[in-house]
Amino acid sequence: MSQHLPEPSDQSAQKKTAQPRELLLRYLDFYRSEVARKLDGLSDVESRTSRMPSGWSPLELLNHLVHMERRWLVWGFAGENVAEPWGDEGPDGRWVVDPSTTREELVNALHEGGRRTRAIVEVSDLAQLGATGGRFAADRPPPTLAFILFHVLQEYARHTGHLDVARELADGLVGEDPSM
């Protein structure tokens, strides 16, 4: 499921994404697709092995992204109960993934999270404040949906770059999907 991003010179693509809401959603879709693509083709051993001094594995990073998006959009903005919102972190704060969890399960959860994000965003105003009581305490104003989406987008962009490095070290694959 490869996603295409609009080129700044492509006027027809610009018209389709002229609204900030759609532009943010398209970029989030793109990064989810790229994360899944970077994990595709890695063996189970490679996806669970760290090549980084900080010790995270590609599957741990994927698990982090699944939980991160859910924390910000479902638990944070929508204020819905979420089972184990910090389920991507171990007792020491490092990323973890259950050994029985498969890459396929996490990629499916990533895309399901994207569908849930889209459903929330499409019926909400970008200036709307997040709910209090879940992720956000009632003692100060929660962030707006626009702020949350920018934060989630920068998380995806940064971590997709991290996966670029991990994948290059594993087998030499680099960059974005060349067919795009």
Protein backbone atom coordinates (compact mmCIF):
# COMPACT_ATOMS: atom_id res chain seq x y z
CA MET A 1 0.00 0.00 0.00
CA SER A 2 2.35 2.69 -1.18
CA GLN A 3 1.37 6.29 -0.72
CA HIS A 4 2.42 9.19 -2.89
CA LEU A 5 3.22 12.63 -1.58
CA PRO A 6 2.44 15.72 -3.60
CA GLU A 7 5.37 17.42 -5.25
CA PRO A 8 5.42 21.19 -4.66
CA SER A 9 5.30 21.79 -8.44
CA ASP A 10 2.34 19.42 -9.04
CA GLN A 11 -0.68 21.76 -9.22
CA SER A 12 -3.30 18.98 -9.39
CA ALA A 13 -1.82 17.28 -6.31
CA GLN A 14 -1.76 20.61 -4.51
CA LYS A 15 -5.48 21.10 -5.16
CA LYS A 16 -6.22 17.66 -3.65
CA THR A 17 -4.24 18.51 -0.52
CA ALA A 18 -4.91 22.24 -0.23
CA GLN A 19 -6.61 21.74 3.12
CA PRO A 20 -4.21 21.32 6.06
CA ARG A 21 -6.28 18.41 7.43
CA GLU A 22 -5.89 16.37 4.23
CA LEU A 23 -2.22 17.30 3.86
CA LEU A 24 -1.46 16.10 7.39
CA LEU A 25 -3.45 12.90 6.90
CA ARG A 26 -1.69 12.16 3.59
CA TYR A 27 1.73 12.65 5.12
CA LEU A 28 0.82 10.38 8.04
CA ASP A 29 -0.43 7.74 5.58
CA PHE A 30 2.81 8.07 3.62
CA TYR A 31 5.01 7.58 6.68
CA ARG A 32 3.00 4.59 7.89
CA SER A 33 3.43 3.06 4.44
CA GLU A 34 7.17 3.75 4.45
CA VAL A 35 7.60 2.26 7.93
CA ALA A 36 5.82 -0.92 6.80
CA ARG A 37 7.92 -1.05 3.61
CA LYS A 38 11.18 -0.67 5.52
CA LEU A 39 10.26 -3.65 7.69
CA ASP A 40 9.08 -5.76 4.75
CA GLY A 41 11.70 -8.30 3.76
CA LEU A 42 13.60 -8.26 7.04
CA SER A 43 13.90 -11.68 8.60
CA ASP A 44 12.34 -12.19 12.01
CA VAL A 45 15.82 -12.23 13.50
CA GLU A 46 16.81 -8.95 11.79
CA SER A 47 13.55 -7.26 12.81
CA ARG A 48 14.16 -8.22 16.45
CA THR A 49 17.90 -7.45 16.48
CA SER A 50 19.38 -4.07 17.27
CA ARG A 51 22.27 -2.68 15.27
CA MET A 52 22.11 0.60 17.18
CA PRO A 53 24.17 1.64 20.22
CA SER A 54 20.91 2.68 21.92
CA GLY A 55 19.68 -0.92 21.64
CA TRP A 56 16.27 -0.66 19.91
CA SER A 57 15.18 -3.14 17.27
CA PRO A 58 13.02 -2.37 14.21
CA LEU A 59 10.04 -4.23 15.76
CA GLU A 60 10.42 -2.28 19.00
CA LEU A 61 10.37 0.95 17.02
CA LEU A 62 7.26 -0.22 15.13
CA ASN A 63 5.56 -1.10 18.42
CA HIS A 64 6.47 2.37 19.70
CA LEU A 65 4.84 4.02 16.67
CA VAL A 66 1.64 1.99 17.11
CA HIS A 67 1.38 3.00 20.77
CA MET A 68 2.52 6.59 20.21
CA GLU A 69 -0.22 7.35 17.67
CA ARG A 70 -2.85 5.69 19.87
CA ARG A 71 -1.66 7.67 22.94
CA TRP A 72 -1.87 11.01 21.16
CA LEU A 73 -5.04 10.58 19.09
CA VAL A 74 -7.29 8.02 20.77
CA TRP A 75 -6.34 8.37 24.44
CA GLY A 76 -5.20 11.98 24.22
CA PHE A 77 -7.33 13.89 21.76
CA ALA A 78 -10.47 11.71 21.76
CA GLY A 79 -10.18 10.90 25.49
CA GLU A 80 -11.06 7.23 25.03
CA ASN A 81 -9.82 4.51 27.35
CA VAL A 82 -6.83 2.70 25.89
CA ALA A 83 -5.50 -0.58 27.24
CA GLU A 84 -1.83 -0.23 28.08
CA PRO A 85 -1.17 3.20 26.54
CA TRP A 86 2.49 2.83 27.48
CA GLY A 87 2.68 -0.82 26.36
CA ASP A 88 5.69 -0.02 24.18
CA GLU A 89 7.88 0.78 27.18
CA GLY A 90 9.52 -1.56 29.63
CA PRO A 91 10.09 -0.78 33.32
CA ASP A 92 13.32 1.03 32.42
CA GLY A 93 11.57 3.22 29.82
CA ARG A 94 13.19 1.42 26.87
CA TRP A 95 11.06 0.22 23.97
CA VAL A 96 9.90 -3.38 24.14
CA VAL A 97 7.84 -5.81 22.09
CA ASP A 98 6.41 -9.09 23.29
CA PRO A 99 8.38 -11.99 21.74
CA SER A 100 5.14 -13.60 20.55
CA THR A 101 4.04 -10.47 18.64
CA THR A 102 4.65 -10.71 14.90
CA ARG A 103 5.64 -8.03 12.44
CA GLU A 104 2.39 -8.68 10.57
CA GLU A 105 0.34 -8.04 13.71
CA LEU A 106 2.16 -4.78 14.38
CA VAL A 107 1.92 -3.58 10.76
CA ASN A 108 -1.81 -4.34 10.83
CA ALA A 109 -2.11 -2.42 14.12
CA LEU A 110 -0.19 0.48 12.55
CA HIS A 111 -2.62 0.71 9.63
CA GLU A 112 -5.66 0.18 11.87
CA GLY A 113 -4.36 3.05 14.01
CA GLY A 114 -4.12 5.15 10.86
CA ARG A 115 -7.75 4.41 10.00
CA ARG A 116 -8.77 5.34 13.55
CA THR A 117 -6.76 8.57 13.35
CA ARG A 118 -8.39 9.46 10.04
CA ALA A 119 -11.87 8.81 11.51
CA ILE A 120 -11.11 11.12 14.46
CA VAL A 121 -9.53 13.88 12.36
CA GLU A 122 -12.18 13.95 9.65
CA VAL A 123 -14.92 14.90 12.13
CA SER A 124 -12.88 17.30 14.26
CA ASP A 125 -11.72 20.87 13.90
CA LEU A 126 -7.95 21.34 13.87
CA ALA A 127 -8.31 24.07 16.54
CA GLN A 128 -10.26 21.76 18.88
CA LEU A 129 -8.58 20.98 22.19
CA GLY A 130 -7.89 17.41 23.23
CA ALA A 131 -9.95 15.78 25.96
CA THR A 132 -8.81 15.90 29.57
CA GLY A 133 -8.72 12.99 31.93
CA GLY A 134 -6.81 10.50 29.80
CA ARG A 135 -3.41 11.52 28.52
CA PHE A 136 -3.97 15.16 29.40
CA ALA A 137 -4.49 16.31 32.98
CA ALA A 138 -7.25 18.79 33.76
CA ASP A 139 -4.85 21.21 35.48
CA ARG A 140 -3.77 22.83 32.20
CA PRO A 141 -5.21 23.21 28.71
CA PRO A 142 -4.62 20.21 26.44
CA PRO A 143 -3.08 20.71 23.01
CA THR A 144 -5.11 21.32 19.87
CA LEU A 145 -5.66 18.64 17.25
CA ALA A 146 -3.34 20.56 14.90
CA PHE A 147 -0.53 20.48 17.48
CA ILE A 148 -1.09 16.77 18.12
CA LEU A 149 -1.02 15.95 14.39
CA PHE A 150 2.20 17.92 13.88
CA HIS A 151 3.75 16.12 16.84
CA VAL A 152 2.70 12.69 15.55
CA LEU A 153 3.96 13.60 12.05
CA GLN A 154 7.38 14.61 13.35
CA GLU A 155 7.57 11.36 15.36
CA TYR A 156 6.89 9.39 12.18
CA ALA A 157 9.40 11.41 10.14
CA ARG A 158 12.15 11.05 12.75
CA HIS A 159 11.59 7.34 13.31
CA THR A 160 11.29 6.57 9.60
CA GLY A 161 14.77 8.06 9.32
CA HIS A 162 15.93 5.81 12.14
CA LEU A 163 14.54 2.82 10.24
CA ASP A 164 16.44 4.01 7.14
CA VAL A 165 19.66 3.63 9.10
CA ALA A 166 18.69 0.27 10.62
CA ARG A 167 17.68 -1.13 7.24
CA GLU A 168 20.81 0.15 5.53
CA LEU A 169 22.93 -1.56 8.18
CA ALA A 170 20.92 -4.79 7.81
CA ASP A 171 20.94 -5.18 4.02
CA GLY A 172 21.73 -1.92 2.26
CA LEU A 173 18.15 -0.81 1.46
CA VAL A 174 17.91 2.98 1.68
CA GLY A 175 15.51 5.82 0.97
CA GLU A 176 11.92 6.00 -0.15
CA ASP A 177 10.13 3.57 -2.44
CA PRO A 178 11.78 4.14 -5.85
CA SER A 179 8.53 3.32 -7.68
CA MET A 180 6.95 6.47 -6.26
